Protein backbone atom coordinates (compact mmCIF):
# COMPACT_ATOMS: atom_id res chain seq x y z
CA MET A 1 0.18 -0.02 -0.08
CA THR A 2 2.26 2.63 0.51
CA PRO A 3 4.65 2.19 -2.31
CA ARG A 4 1.06 2.83 -4.55
CA ARG A 5 0.26 5.81 -2.64
CA MET A 6 3.62 7.14 -2.84
CA LEU A 7 2.98 7.16 -6.15
CA GLU A 8 0.24 8.48 -6.91
CA HIS A 9 0.83 11.10 -4.49
CA PRO A 10 4.08 12.85 -5.44
CA PRO A 11 5.97 14.42 -2.53
CA ARG A 12 5.18 18.36 -2.30
CA ARG A 13 8.56 19.60 -3.46
CA GLU A 14 8.19 17.69 -7.10
CA ARG A 15 4.89 19.65 -7.19
CA GLY A 16 6.18 22.50 -6.37
CA VAL A 17 9.58 22.31 -9.11
CA ALA A 18 6.58 20.72 -11.74
CA LEU A 19 4.33 24.49 -11.34
CA LEU A 20 7.02 26.48 -11.15
CA VAL A 21 8.60 24.87 -14.91
CA ALA A 22 4.58 25.22 -15.80
CA ILE A 23 4.87 28.81 -14.61
CA LEU A 24 8.31 29.56 -16.72
CA LEU A 25 6.90 27.89 -19.91
CA VAL A 26 3.94 30.35 -19.91
CA ALA A 27 6.23 33.38 -19.53
CA LEU A 28 8.39 32.21 -21.74
CA ALA A 29 5.08 31.89 -24.24
CA THR A 30 3.73 34.95 -23.54
CA VAL A 31 7.20 37.20 -24.03
CA ILE A 32 7.17 35.35 -27.36
CA ALA A 33 4.07 36.04 -28.43
CA ALA A 34 4.58 39.24 -27.30
CA SER A 35 7.71 40.04 -29.54
CA LEU A 36 5.91 38.23 -32.97
CA ALA A 37 2.96 40.85 -31.57
CA TYR A 38 5.13 43.87 -31.70
CA HIS A 39 7.69 43.19 -34.60
CA ASN A 40 4.19 42.18 -36.23
CA ALA A 41 2.96 45.58 -35.47
CA MET A 42 6.15 47.47 -36.50
CA THR A 43 6.57 45.78 -39.73
CA ALA A 44 3.10 46.87 -40.37
CA ARG A 45 3.53 50.30 -39.67
CA ARG A 46 6.81 50.57 -41.58
CA THR A 47 4.94 49.37 -44.26
CA ILE A 48 1.84 52.03 -44.00
CA GLY A 49 5.08 54.53 -43.12
CA ALA A 50 6.74 53.19 -46.75
CA PHE A 51 2.76 53.38 -48.37
CA ASP A 52 2.10 56.96 -47.14
CA TYR A 53 6.01 58.19 -48.05
CA ASP A 54 5.43 56.95 -51.95
CA GLN A 55 1.74 58.30 -52.03
CA ALA A 56 3.18 61.73 -50.88
CA LEU A 57 6.29 61.38 -53.21
CA LEU A 58 3.44 60.41 -56.08
CA VAL A 59 1.62 63.40 -55.28
CA THR A 60 4.39 66.17 -54.62
CA GLU A 61 5.71 64.92 -58.13
CA GLY A 62 2.21 65.72 -59.66
CA THR A 63 2.04 68.54 -57.87
CA GLU A 64 5.26 69.89 -60.39
CA ALA A 65 3.98 69.09 -63.50
CA PHE A 66 1.06 71.22 -62.17
CA ALA A 67 3.20 74.09 -61.49
CA ALA A 68 5.52 73.40 -64.65
CA TYR A 69 2.22 73.82 -66.53
CA GLY A 70 0.96 76.80 -64.88
CA LEU A 71 4.78 78.64 -65.52
CA GLN A 72 4.28 77.93 -69.25
CA GLN A 73 1.09 79.36 -69.43
CA THR A 74 2.70 82.43 -67.85
CA PHE A 75 5.43 82.77 -70.27
CA ARG A 76 2.81 82.49 -72.94
CA SER A 77 0.79 84.87 -71.91
CA GLN A 78 3.49 87.48 -70.96
CA PRO A 79 7.20 86.44 -72.37
CA GLY A 80 8.71 89.14 -70.56
CA GLN A 81 7.77 89.40 -66.76
CA ILE A 82 7.04 87.45 -63.75
CA ASP A 83 5.18 89.67 -61.11
CA ALA A 84 3.54 88.26 -57.68
CA GLN A 85 -0.27 88.82 -59.56
CA GLN A 86 0.42 86.40 -61.95
CA PRO A 87 -1.70 82.68 -61.39
CA TRP A 88 1.88 80.62 -60.64
CA ALA A 89 2.01 82.99 -57.49
CA GLN A 90 -1.59 81.92 -56.01
CA PRO A 91 -1.06 79.12 -52.81
CA ILE A 92 -3.26 76.29 -53.63
CA GLY A 93 -5.10 73.88 -50.74
CA PRO A 94 -5.38 72.82 -48.41
CA ILE A 95 -7.11 70.83 -51.10
CA SER A 96 -8.43 66.62 -50.57
CA VAL A 97 -6.31 64.33 -53.49
CA SER A 98 -7.42 61.48 -52.13
CA PRO A 99 -9.32 59.84 -48.62
CA GLY A 100 -7.00 60.71 -45.85
CA VAL A 101 -4.06 62.67 -48.44
CA THR A 102 -4.68 66.60 -48.47
CA LEU A 103 -2.07 68.82 -50.34
CA GLU A 104 -0.39 72.32 -49.46
CA ALA A 105 1.61 73.86 -52.36
CA SER A 106 2.73 77.36 -53.17
CA LEU A 107 5.33 78.80 -55.26
CA GLU A 108 8.33 81.29 -54.65
CA ASP A 109 10.66 82.98 -56.87
CA LEU A 110 13.87 82.22 -56.34
CA GLN A 111 15.02 85.62 -58.10
CA GLY A 112 13.60 87.58 -55.85
CA ARG A 113 16.01 87.05 -52.91
CA PHE A 114 19.54 87.91 -53.40
CA ASN A 115 22.18 85.49 -55.38
CA LEU A 116 25.22 84.28 -52.75
CA ASN A 117 26.79 83.56 -55.80
CA ASN A 118 26.59 87.08 -57.26
CA VAL A 119 28.91 88.43 -54.84
CA LEU A 120 32.20 86.88 -57.35
CA GLU A 121 32.18 87.13 -61.52
CA SER A 122 31.76 84.27 -63.74
CA ASP A 123 35.30 83.09 -63.55
CA GLY A 124 35.44 82.29 -59.97
CA THR A 125 38.07 85.14 -58.79
CA THR A 126 37.17 88.68 -59.67
CA VAL A 127 35.06 90.52 -56.55
CA ASN A 128 31.72 91.83 -57.62
CA THR A 129 32.06 95.10 -56.36
CA GLN A 130 28.25 96.30 -56.41
CA GLN A 131 26.96 93.24 -55.32
CA LEU A 132 29.00 92.89 -52.48
CA GLN A 133 28.14 96.00 -51.08
CA ALA A 134 24.66 94.98 -51.54
CA PHE A 135 25.26 91.80 -49.41
CA ARG A 136 26.97 93.88 -46.67
CA GLU A 137 24.02 96.23 -46.88
CA LEU A 138 21.78 93.60 -46.61
CA LEU A 139 23.23 91.95 -43.83
CA THR A 140 23.50 95.53 -41.96
CA MET A 141 19.73 95.59 -42.42
CA VAL A 142 18.71 92.27 -41.10
CA GLY A 143 21.27 93.49 -37.68
CA LEU A 144 24.01 91.60 -38.30
CA LYS A 145 27.99 92.90 -39.07
CA PRO A 146 28.50 93.37 -43.01
CA GLN A 147 32.05 91.79 -42.80
CA TRP A 148 30.36 88.30 -42.99
CA ALA A 149 29.97 89.22 -46.35
CA ASP A 150 33.76 89.71 -46.83
CA ASP A 151 34.05 85.93 -45.20
CA TRP A 152 31.85 84.61 -48.15
CA VAL A 153 33.30 85.84 -50.71
CA ASN A 154 36.97 83.73 -49.58
CA TRP A 155 34.62 81.11 -48.81
CA ILE A 156 33.49 80.51 -52.64
CA ASP A 157 36.66 82.33 -54.47
CA LYS A 158 38.20 79.64 -56.43
CA SER A 159 41.41 81.26 -56.23
CA PRO A 160 44.65 80.18 -53.78
CA THR A 161 45.36 83.79 -52.95
CA PRO A 162 42.33 85.13 -50.61
CA ALA A 163 39.81 87.76 -52.59
CA ILE A 164 39.47 89.91 -49.40
CA ALA A 165 42.69 89.93 -47.29
CA ASP A 166 41.33 90.89 -44.13
CA ALA A 167 38.79 87.48 -44.24
CA PRO A 168 39.53 83.94 -43.41
CA ALA A 169 41.47 82.22 -45.64
CA ALA A 170 41.22 78.71 -47.25
CA SER A 171 43.46 77.74 -44.95
CA ALA A 172 42.50 79.09 -41.95
CA TYR A 173 39.70 76.21 -41.77
CA LEU A 174 42.24 73.60 -42.04
CA GLU A 175 43.34 74.65 -38.48
CA MET A 176 39.80 74.77 -36.85
CA ASP A 177 38.40 71.38 -34.46
CA PRO A 178 37.48 69.53 -36.72
CA PRO A 179 39.15 70.97 -39.96
CA TYR A 180 37.87 71.32 -43.18
CA HIS A 181 37.59 72.84 -46.81
CA THR A 182 36.03 75.34 -48.43
CA PRO A 183 34.19 74.66 -51.55
CA ASN A 184 35.97 77.24 -53.85
CA LEU A 185 33.46 77.13 -55.94
CA PRO A 186 29.75 78.36 -56.44
CA VAL A 187 27.33 76.40 -53.76
CA SER A 188 23.74 75.42 -54.51
CA SER A 189 22.83 76.13 -50.80
CA ALA A 190 22.40 79.32 -48.85
CA SER A 191 22.63 77.47 -45.52
CA GLU A 192 26.51 77.36 -46.48
CA LEU A 193 26.54 80.50 -44.82
CA MET A 194 26.74 78.32 -41.46
CA ALA A 195 29.37 76.77 -41.98
CA LEU A 196 31.57 80.48 -41.80
CA PRO A 197 33.52 79.90 -38.42
CA GLY A 198 31.03 81.54 -35.56
CA PHE A 199 27.81 82.27 -38.30
CA GLY A 200 25.60 79.64 -36.58
CA ARG A 201 21.98 79.10 -37.29
CA ALA A 202 20.79 82.06 -35.14
CA ARG A 203 22.84 84.24 -37.46
CA PHE A 204 21.30 81.89 -40.94
CA GLU A 205 18.08 82.12 -39.87
CA ARG A 206 17.68 86.10 -39.63
CA ILE A 207 19.51 85.97 -43.35
CA ALA A 208 17.56 83.42 -44.24
CA PRO A 209 14.31 85.23 -46.08
CA TYR A 210 16.52 86.77 -48.35
CA VAL A 211 19.00 84.89 -49.97
CA THR A 212 19.62 82.06 -52.51
CA ALA A 213 21.85 80.57 -54.15
CA LEU A 214 21.86 80.51 -57.78
CA PRO A 215 24.19 80.84 -60.67
CA VAL A 216 26.24 83.39 -60.62
CA GLY A 217 25.43 86.27 -62.83
CA THR A 218 21.53 85.91 -62.07
CA ALA A 219 19.63 88.52 -61.87
CA LEU A 220 17.48 90.06 -59.32
CA ASN A 221 13.77 90.07 -60.21
CA THR A 222 12.79 94.11 -59.04
CA CYS A 223 8.93 92.84 -59.52
CA THR A 224 8.80 89.74 -57.11
CA ALA A 225 12.01 91.08 -54.47
CA SER A 226 11.37 92.02 -51.08
CA PRO A 227 11.40 95.66 -50.24
CA LEU A 228 14.93 94.88 -47.69
CA VAL A 229 16.16 93.25 -50.81
CA LEU A 230 16.05 96.54 -52.91
CA ASP A 231 16.83 98.72 -50.77
CA ALA A 232 20.12 96.73 -49.80
CA TYR A 233 21.44 97.89 -53.55
CA LEU A 234 20.53 102.08 -52.58
CA GLY A 235 22.36 101.35 -49.59
CA HIS A 236 19.23 103.19 -47.78
CA GLN A 237 15.67 102.31 -46.61
CA GLN A 238 13.34 103.40 -48.84
CA PHE A 239 10.99 100.51 -50.54
CA SER A 240 11.28 98.72 -46.95
CA ALA A 241 10.73 102.19 -44.72
CA ASP A 242 6.77 101.60 -44.99
CA PRO A 243 5.90 97.45 -45.69
CA ARG A 244 2.03 98.07 -45.91
CA GLN A 245 2.69 100.84 -48.33
CA PHE A 246 5.02 98.79 -50.43
CA ALA A 247 2.64 96.00 -50.68
CA ARG A 248 -0.18 98.28 -51.56
CA ASP A 249 1.98 99.77 -54.21
CA ARG A 250 2.81 96.11 -55.58
CA ALA A 251 -0.73 94.98 -55.51
CA ALA A 252 -2.21 98.48 -57.62
CA ALA A 253 0.61 97.77 -59.93
CA SER A 254 -1.28 98.50 -63.21
CA GLY A 255 1.04 96.29 -65.12
CA GLY A 256 1.87 93.86 -62.44
CA CYS A 257 5.11 94.63 -61.68
CA PHE A 258 6.72 97.18 -58.67
CA PRO A 259 8.97 98.40 -59.26
CA THR A 260 9.60 97.55 -62.74
CA LEU A 261 13.43 98.44 -64.36
CA SER A 262 12.33 101.74 -65.29
CA GLU A 263 11.34 102.94 -61.19
CA MET A 264 14.48 101.03 -59.81
CA GLU A 265 16.34 103.12 -61.99
CA THR A 266 15.24 106.13 -60.57
CA ALA A 267 15.65 105.24 -57.13
CA ILE A 268 19.15 104.39 -58.17
CA GLN A 269 19.53 107.80 -59.85
CA ASN A 270 17.75 109.31 -56.97
CA THR A 271 20.71 107.85 -54.77
CA LEU A 272 23.58 109.18 -56.44
CA GLN A 273 22.14 112.74 -56.60
CA SER A 274 21.20 112.80 -52.78
CA THR A 275 24.82 111.74 -51.88
CA PRO A 276 27.34 114.05 -52.97
CA THR A 277 30.39 112.23 -52.19
CA GLY A 278 28.16 109.37 -54.45
CA VAL A 279 28.42 106.55 -51.99
CA ASN A 280 25.58 104.83 -49.23
CA PRO A 281 25.79 105.26 -45.95
CA ASN A 282 27.37 102.43 -45.10
CA GLY A 283 30.21 102.67 -47.17
CA GLY A 284 30.47 101.41 -50.88
CA THR A 285 28.90 102.82 -54.75
CA PRO A 286 26.19 102.25 -55.73
CA PRO A 287 25.34 100.77 -58.96
CA SER A 288 24.77 103.34 -61.53
CA ASN A 289 22.32 101.48 -63.39
CA ALA A 290 19.51 99.08 -63.08
CA GLN A 291 21.19 96.90 -65.69
CA PRO A 292 22.92 93.92 -66.18
CA LEU A 293 21.64 93.41 -62.17
CA PHE A 294 18.09 93.58 -62.32
CA ALA A 295 15.63 91.96 -64.37
CA GLU A 296 11.65 91.80 -64.81
CA THR A 297 11.44 88.40 -65.52
CA SER A 298 12.45 85.04 -63.32
CA GLN A 299 13.58 81.48 -64.40
CA TRP A 300 14.48 80.41 -60.81
CA PHE A 301 11.42 78.97 -58.78
CA ARG A 302 11.06 76.76 -55.75
CA LEU A 303 7.77 75.16 -55.38
CA THR A 304 6.60 73.99 -51.30
CA SER A 305 4.34 70.93 -50.81
CA VAL A 306 3.14 69.67 -47.75
CA VAL A 307 1.39 66.41 -48.35
CA ARG A 308 -0.94 65.21 -45.26
CA ALA A 309 -1.83 61.61 -45.47
CA ASN A 310 -3.07 59.73 -42.82
CA GLY A 311 -2.18 62.08 -39.85
CA THR A 312 1.94 62.05 -40.80
CA GLU A 313 3.10 65.08 -42.92
CA PHE A 314 5.81 65.17 -45.10
CA VAL A 315 7.43 68.36 -47.14
CA LEU A 316 9.08 68.89 -50.11
CA TYR A 317 11.38 71.76 -52.10
CA SER A 318 11.75 71.58 -55.22
CA MET A 319 13.27 73.83 -57.37
CA LEU A 320 12.50 74.21 -60.84
CA TYR A 321 14.43 75.98 -63.79
CA ARG A 322 12.18 77.56 -66.54
CA ASP A 323 13.90 77.57 -70.21
CA SER A 324 14.15 80.39 -72.40
CA ASP A 325 11.59 78.38 -74.57
CA GLY A 326 9.58 78.33 -71.82
CA THR A 327 10.03 74.52 -70.38
CA VAL A 328 10.07 73.89 -66.91
CA ARG A 329 11.61 70.56 -65.54
CA THR A 330 12.76 70.12 -61.70
CA VAL A 331 16.32 70.75 -61.22
CA LEU A 332 16.72 69.49 -57.41
CA ARG A 333 14.14 68.29 -54.52
CA SER A 334 14.94 68.74 -50.81
CA ASP A 335 13.82 68.00 -47.12
CA THR A 336 14.42 71.43 -46.02
CA PRO A 337 14.24 74.76 -47.78
CA ASN A 338 17.64 76.63 -47.63
């Protein structure tokens, strides 16, 4: 009787071990199940994210085509002028593209900004004194030191000899920690200003709305330029003295352009006549005429596309170029505006 009872009723120690093993197996199964569920959820989420991104990219490509068509139509109707009253300048959206997907888009004329590459001539070594002085004035107007313009000249100057003696030479950047090289050629992004020693993001954010990086020799469009950029060429506040009045004058312009080339020419001559020494208040000689610094048409534009898909926002910045025959193509895409 005793042996049978021992088999039918195992000792408490053995029962405890069996219970512990069962608990461990259940815990292990729970961990495995939770891990599988987590990885499955992450895989599904990544798939949804990839689908939303691809969908947003297709929407932005369609927006580029729509913007190109609008610019082509503008070129056909007004081949010699680009101004802020034309249809291309009107933002669109938010509009529903498909269930759960909305779009907002706007076009900006990049030739309404100061071109940072214009401080040098096309040879990459000769300083364009009028453009350099305008950049100095622009920096001063936004509350920055004009000496940053000299540093910028040496940043893109391709000559081994510094174009401006008092500014850091290319070798100075190799002595920094960490060391880095200057590009010594025209840049494609205005954000390279932040590479200047001590310039930083805070200063860049002050100048960023007024500068761009386009091919050397690209003219400023007076019809779309901000009043501050226009005044940088005059050396004093004229158009930017009353921003509201400037906006009213531009909106009321009969031809859609303000100031026109002739009006800019008049402003330049008035500046020269009002300064007996022929110099701007902050130094430097104003341009003697409006050519070839300015124009009333543009070829470079930036399209900003904001796509919201299933609660996620995608922003793409596309640089568009319009050929002389009116054909528009995308030359650059970026996740950042500058």
